[in-house]
N, C-alpha and C. Protein backbone atom coordinates (compact mmCIF):
# COMPACT_ATOMS: atom_id res chain seq x y z
N GLY A 1 -40.11 64.27 -18.28
CA GLY A 1 -39.46 65.17 -18.98
C GLY A 1 -38.97 64.97 -20.35
N LYS A 2 -37.72 64.66 -20.46
CA LYS A 2 -37.07 64.67 -21.76
C LYS A 2 -36.65 63.30 -22.26
N GLN A 3 -37.11 62.25 -21.55
CA GLN A 3 -36.79 60.89 -21.98
C GLN A 3 -38.05 60.06 -22.08
N LEU A 4 -37.97 59.02 -22.90
CA LEU A 4 -39.09 58.11 -23.12
C LEU A 4 -38.55 56.69 -23.12
N LEU A 5 -39.29 55.75 -22.54
CA LEU A 5 -38.94 54.34 -22.58
C LEU A 5 -39.80 53.66 -23.63
N SER A 6 -39.23 52.67 -24.32
CA SER A 6 -40.00 51.92 -25.31
C SER A 6 -39.71 50.44 -25.16
N SER A 7 -40.66 49.62 -25.64
CA SER A 7 -40.50 48.17 -25.66
C SER A 7 -40.60 47.72 -27.12
N SER A 8 -40.04 46.52 -27.42
CA SER A 8 -39.97 46.13 -28.82
C SER A 8 -39.97 44.62 -29.02
N ARG A 9 -40.37 44.22 -30.23
CA ARG A 9 -40.28 42.81 -30.61
C ARG A 9 -38.84 42.38 -30.85
N ASP A 10 -37.90 43.32 -30.91
CA ASP A 10 -36.49 42.96 -31.12
C ASP A 10 -35.79 42.55 -29.82
N LYS A 11 -36.58 42.27 -28.75
CA LYS A 11 -36.09 41.78 -27.46
C LYS A 11 -35.40 42.86 -26.62
N THR A 12 -35.67 44.12 -26.90
CA THR A 12 -35.03 45.20 -26.15
C THR A 12 -36.05 46.17 -25.56
N ALA A 13 -35.59 46.86 -24.54
CA ALA A 13 -36.25 48.07 -24.03
C ALA A 13 -35.24 49.18 -24.27
N LYS A 14 -35.72 50.37 -24.58
CA LYS A 14 -34.81 51.48 -24.87
C LYS A 14 -35.20 52.73 -24.12
N VAL A 15 -34.20 53.55 -23.87
CA VAL A 15 -34.40 54.89 -23.35
C VAL A 15 -34.07 55.84 -24.49
N TRP A 16 -35.00 56.75 -24.78
CA TRP A 16 -34.85 57.71 -25.87
C TRP A 16 -34.70 59.12 -25.31
N ASP A 17 -33.81 59.89 -25.90
CA ASP A 17 -33.67 61.30 -25.59
C ASP A 17 -34.58 62.05 -26.56
N LEU A 18 -35.64 62.68 -26.05
CA LEU A 18 -36.60 63.34 -26.92
C LEU A 18 -36.07 64.63 -27.54
N THR A 19 -35.10 65.24 -26.89
CA THR A 19 -34.51 66.45 -27.46
C THR A 19 -33.62 66.10 -28.65
N ALA A 20 -32.76 65.09 -28.48
CA ALA A 20 -31.86 64.67 -29.55
C ALA A 20 -32.54 63.76 -30.56
N LYS A 21 -33.72 63.22 -30.20
CA LYS A 21 -34.48 62.31 -31.05
C LYS A 21 -33.67 61.06 -31.41
N GLU A 22 -33.03 60.47 -30.36
CA GLU A 22 -32.24 59.27 -30.57
C GLU A 22 -32.25 58.39 -29.32
N SER A 23 -31.96 57.12 -29.54
CA SER A 23 -31.85 56.17 -28.44
C SER A 23 -30.53 56.41 -27.71
N VAL A 24 -30.60 56.49 -26.38
CA VAL A 24 -29.39 56.72 -25.60
C VAL A 24 -28.99 55.50 -24.77
N LEU A 25 -29.88 54.50 -24.69
CA LEU A 25 -29.58 53.28 -23.94
C LEU A 25 -30.45 52.15 -24.45
N THR A 26 -29.85 50.98 -24.63
CA THR A 26 -30.59 49.79 -25.01
C THR A 26 -30.39 48.73 -23.94
N PHE A 27 -31.49 48.20 -23.42
CA PHE A 27 -31.45 47.12 -22.45
C PHE A 27 -31.79 45.82 -23.19
N PRO A 28 -30.80 44.92 -23.40
CA PRO A 28 -30.99 43.75 -24.26
C PRO A 28 -31.15 42.41 -23.54
N GLN A 29 -31.49 42.39 -22.25
CA GLN A 29 -31.45 41.16 -21.48
C GLN A 29 -32.64 40.21 -21.66
N HIS A 30 -33.73 40.67 -22.26
CA HIS A 30 -34.87 39.77 -22.47
C HIS A 30 -34.55 38.74 -23.55
N GLN A 31 -35.18 37.59 -23.44
CA GLN A 31 -34.93 36.50 -24.39
C GLN A 31 -35.97 36.46 -25.51
N ASN A 32 -36.95 37.36 -25.45
CA ASN A 32 -38.01 37.39 -26.45
C ASN A 32 -38.63 38.79 -26.43
N THR A 33 -39.75 38.96 -27.11
CA THR A 33 -40.42 40.25 -27.23
C THR A 33 -40.62 40.93 -25.87
N VAL A 34 -40.36 42.23 -25.81
CA VAL A 34 -40.63 43.04 -24.63
C VAL A 34 -41.96 43.74 -24.87
N PHE A 35 -42.94 43.50 -23.99
CA PHE A 35 -44.28 44.03 -24.19
C PHE A 35 -44.55 45.36 -23.50
N ASP A 36 -43.92 45.62 -22.35
CA ASP A 36 -44.24 46.84 -21.62
C ASP A 36 -43.04 47.29 -20.80
N VAL A 37 -42.99 48.59 -20.52
CA VAL A 37 -41.92 49.19 -19.72
C VAL A 37 -42.51 50.20 -18.76
N ALA A 38 -41.79 50.47 -17.69
CA ALA A 38 -42.16 51.51 -16.72
C ALA A 38 -40.87 52.05 -16.12
N VAL A 39 -40.97 53.16 -15.44
CA VAL A 39 -39.79 53.75 -14.82
C VAL A 39 -40.15 54.17 -13.39
N SER A 40 -39.18 54.08 -12.49
CA SER A 40 -39.38 54.50 -11.11
C SER A 40 -39.58 56.02 -11.06
N THR A 41 -40.13 56.51 -9.96
CA THR A 41 -40.39 57.95 -9.85
C THR A 41 -39.12 58.79 -9.89
N ASP A 42 -38.00 58.23 -9.45
CA ASP A 42 -36.76 59.00 -9.52
C ASP A 42 -36.08 58.88 -10.89
N GLY A 43 -36.63 58.06 -11.78
CA GLY A 43 -36.10 57.92 -13.13
C GLY A 43 -34.83 57.09 -13.23
N LYS A 44 -34.38 56.50 -12.14
CA LYS A 44 -33.11 55.77 -12.14
C LYS A 44 -33.24 54.29 -12.49
N THR A 45 -34.44 53.73 -12.34
CA THR A 45 -34.64 52.30 -12.61
C THR A 45 -35.74 52.10 -13.63
N GLY A 46 -35.43 51.30 -14.67
CA GLY A 46 -36.43 50.92 -15.64
C GLY A 46 -36.89 49.51 -15.34
N TYR A 47 -38.13 49.22 -15.70
CA TYR A 47 -38.70 47.89 -15.51
C TYR A 47 -39.28 47.46 -16.84
N SER A 48 -39.11 46.19 -17.18
CA SER A 48 -39.66 45.69 -18.43
C SER A 48 -40.15 44.26 -18.26
N VAL A 49 -41.18 43.91 -19.03
CA VAL A 49 -41.77 42.58 -19.00
C VAL A 49 -41.94 42.10 -20.43
N GLY A 50 -41.99 40.75 -20.58
CA GLY A 50 -42.12 40.25 -21.93
C GLY A 50 -42.47 38.79 -22.06
N ALA A 51 -42.28 38.31 -23.26
CA ALA A 51 -42.63 36.94 -23.62
C ALA A 51 -41.75 35.91 -22.92
N ASP A 52 -40.64 36.32 -22.33
CA ASP A 52 -39.78 35.40 -21.60
C ASP A 52 -40.24 35.15 -20.17
N LYS A 53 -41.44 35.63 -19.82
CA LYS A 53 -42.08 35.38 -18.52
C LYS A 53 -41.37 36.07 -17.35
N GLN A 54 -40.59 37.08 -17.64
CA GLN A 54 -39.79 37.76 -16.62
C GLN A 54 -40.15 39.23 -16.51
N MET A 55 -40.01 39.77 -15.29
CA MET A 55 -39.96 41.20 -15.09
C MET A 55 -38.51 41.51 -14.74
N ARG A 56 -37.94 42.45 -15.43
CA ARG A 56 -36.54 42.79 -15.20
C ARG A 56 -36.43 44.25 -14.77
N ALA A 57 -35.53 44.51 -13.84
CA ALA A 57 -35.23 45.87 -13.38
C ALA A 57 -33.82 46.20 -13.83
N TRP A 58 -33.62 47.41 -14.31
CA TRP A 58 -32.33 47.80 -14.86
C TRP A 58 -32.10 49.30 -14.67
N VAL A 59 -30.84 49.68 -14.66
CA VAL A 59 -30.43 51.07 -14.47
C VAL A 59 -30.67 51.83 -15.78
N THR A 60 -31.32 53.00 -15.69
CA THR A 60 -31.66 53.75 -16.90
C THR A 60 -30.55 54.67 -17.39
N SER A 61 -29.37 54.54 -16.83
CA SER A 61 -28.24 55.35 -17.27
C SER A 61 -27.02 54.45 -17.45
N GLY A 62 -25.95 55.04 -17.93
CA GLY A 62 -24.72 54.27 -18.12
C GLY A 62 -24.90 53.14 -19.11
N ASP A 63 -24.57 51.92 -18.67
CA ASP A 63 -24.64 50.77 -19.57
C ASP A 63 -25.96 50.00 -19.46
N GLY A 64 -26.91 50.48 -18.66
CA GLY A 64 -28.20 49.81 -18.53
C GLY A 64 -28.13 48.48 -17.83
N LYS A 65 -27.25 48.36 -16.88
CA LYS A 65 -27.02 47.10 -16.16
C LYS A 65 -28.31 46.59 -15.51
N GLN A 66 -28.56 45.29 -15.69
CA GLN A 66 -29.69 44.64 -15.02
C GLN A 66 -29.41 44.53 -13.54
N VAL A 67 -30.39 44.90 -12.71
CA VAL A 67 -30.22 44.80 -11.27
C VAL A 67 -31.07 43.69 -10.66
N ARG A 68 -32.09 43.22 -11.41
CA ARG A 68 -32.93 42.15 -10.88
C ARG A 68 -33.77 41.56 -12.00
N ALA A 69 -33.97 40.24 -11.93
CA ALA A 69 -34.92 39.55 -12.82
C ALA A 69 -35.85 38.75 -11.92
N THR A 70 -37.14 38.89 -12.15
CA THR A 70 -38.13 38.24 -11.32
C THR A 70 -39.03 37.36 -12.17
N GLY A 71 -39.10 36.09 -11.84
CA GLY A 71 -39.98 35.16 -12.54
C GLY A 71 -41.25 34.96 -11.74
N GLY A 72 -41.90 33.85 -11.98
CA GLY A 72 -43.10 33.54 -11.23
C GLY A 72 -44.32 33.34 -12.11
N HIS A 73 -44.32 33.96 -13.27
CA HIS A 73 -45.43 33.75 -14.19
C HIS A 73 -45.17 32.51 -15.03
N GLY A 74 -46.26 31.84 -15.41
CA GLY A 74 -46.15 30.64 -16.21
C GLY A 74 -46.30 30.89 -17.70
N ASP A 75 -46.53 32.15 -18.09
CA ASP A 75 -46.71 32.48 -19.50
C ASP A 75 -46.24 33.93 -19.71
N GLU A 76 -46.39 34.43 -20.92
CA GLU A 76 -45.94 35.77 -21.27
C GLU A 76 -46.52 36.82 -20.32
N VAL A 77 -45.71 37.82 -19.99
CA VAL A 77 -46.16 38.93 -19.15
C VAL A 77 -46.37 40.13 -20.08
N TYR A 78 -47.62 40.62 -20.12
CA TYR A 78 -47.98 41.65 -21.08
C TYR A 78 -47.93 43.08 -20.56
N LYS A 79 -48.28 43.27 -19.31
CA LYS A 79 -48.37 44.63 -18.78
C LYS A 79 -47.75 44.70 -17.40
N LEU A 80 -47.31 45.90 -17.06
CA LEU A 80 -46.87 46.17 -15.70
C LEU A 80 -47.27 47.58 -15.34
N GLN A 81 -47.47 47.79 -14.07
CA GLN A 81 -47.83 49.11 -13.58
C GLN A 81 -47.02 49.40 -12.33
N TYR A 82 -46.34 50.51 -12.33
CA TYR A 82 -45.53 50.94 -11.19
C TYR A 82 -46.34 51.95 -10.39
N PHE A 83 -46.49 51.71 -9.10
CA PHE A 83 -47.19 52.63 -8.21
C PHE A 83 -46.17 53.25 -7.28
N ALA A 84 -45.93 54.54 -7.44
CA ALA A 84 -44.89 55.23 -6.67
C ALA A 84 -45.17 55.20 -5.17
N LYS A 85 -46.42 55.39 -4.79
CA LYS A 85 -46.73 55.38 -3.37
C LYS A 85 -46.63 53.94 -2.86
N GLY A 86 -45.66 53.70 -2.03
CA GLY A 86 -45.45 52.36 -1.51
C GLY A 86 -44.53 51.50 -2.37
N GLU A 87 -44.08 52.05 -3.51
CA GLU A 87 -43.16 51.32 -4.40
C GLU A 87 -43.71 49.95 -4.79
N TRP A 88 -44.92 49.90 -5.30
CA TRP A 88 -45.56 48.65 -5.73
C TRP A 88 -45.41 48.46 -7.22
N MET A 89 -45.28 47.19 -7.64
CA MET A 89 -45.27 46.83 -9.06
C MET A 89 -46.30 45.73 -9.25
N VAL A 90 -47.17 45.89 -10.22
CA VAL A 90 -48.18 44.90 -10.53
C VAL A 90 -47.99 44.46 -11.98
N THR A 91 -48.08 43.14 -12.22
CA THR A 91 -47.92 42.62 -13.57
C THR A 91 -49.17 41.87 -14.01
N CYS A 92 -49.33 41.73 -15.30
CA CYS A 92 -50.48 41.04 -15.89
C CYS A 92 -49.94 40.05 -16.92
N SER A 93 -50.35 38.79 -16.79
CA SER A 93 -49.79 37.73 -17.63
C SER A 93 -50.87 36.89 -18.30
N ALA A 94 -50.47 36.17 -19.34
CA ALA A 94 -51.37 35.25 -20.04
C ALA A 94 -51.60 33.98 -19.24
N ASP A 95 -50.93 33.81 -18.10
CA ASP A 95 -51.09 32.59 -17.31
C ASP A 95 -52.36 32.62 -16.43
N LYS A 96 -53.15 33.67 -16.57
CA LYS A 96 -54.42 33.84 -15.87
C LYS A 96 -54.23 34.02 -14.38
């Protein structure tokens, strides 16, 4: 609908209000570039991956509180894909 998620080299993921044309939430927990973002089907949880080798889950409203950080990759994580059916998350990393 009316919101968009973005990733950035400034180490943040953001939620944008497309009607107001402004950022309404900044998630700053990554330690390096954020390469990709996704959102759950209910729109309540954002997911982001980046050069810090982490996938992070965070609340897309209020203060954007982090709810989970998941490691496991040995190098930068470039892409993620959220599959609503079955609540699956797949990531793609430079660690091969």
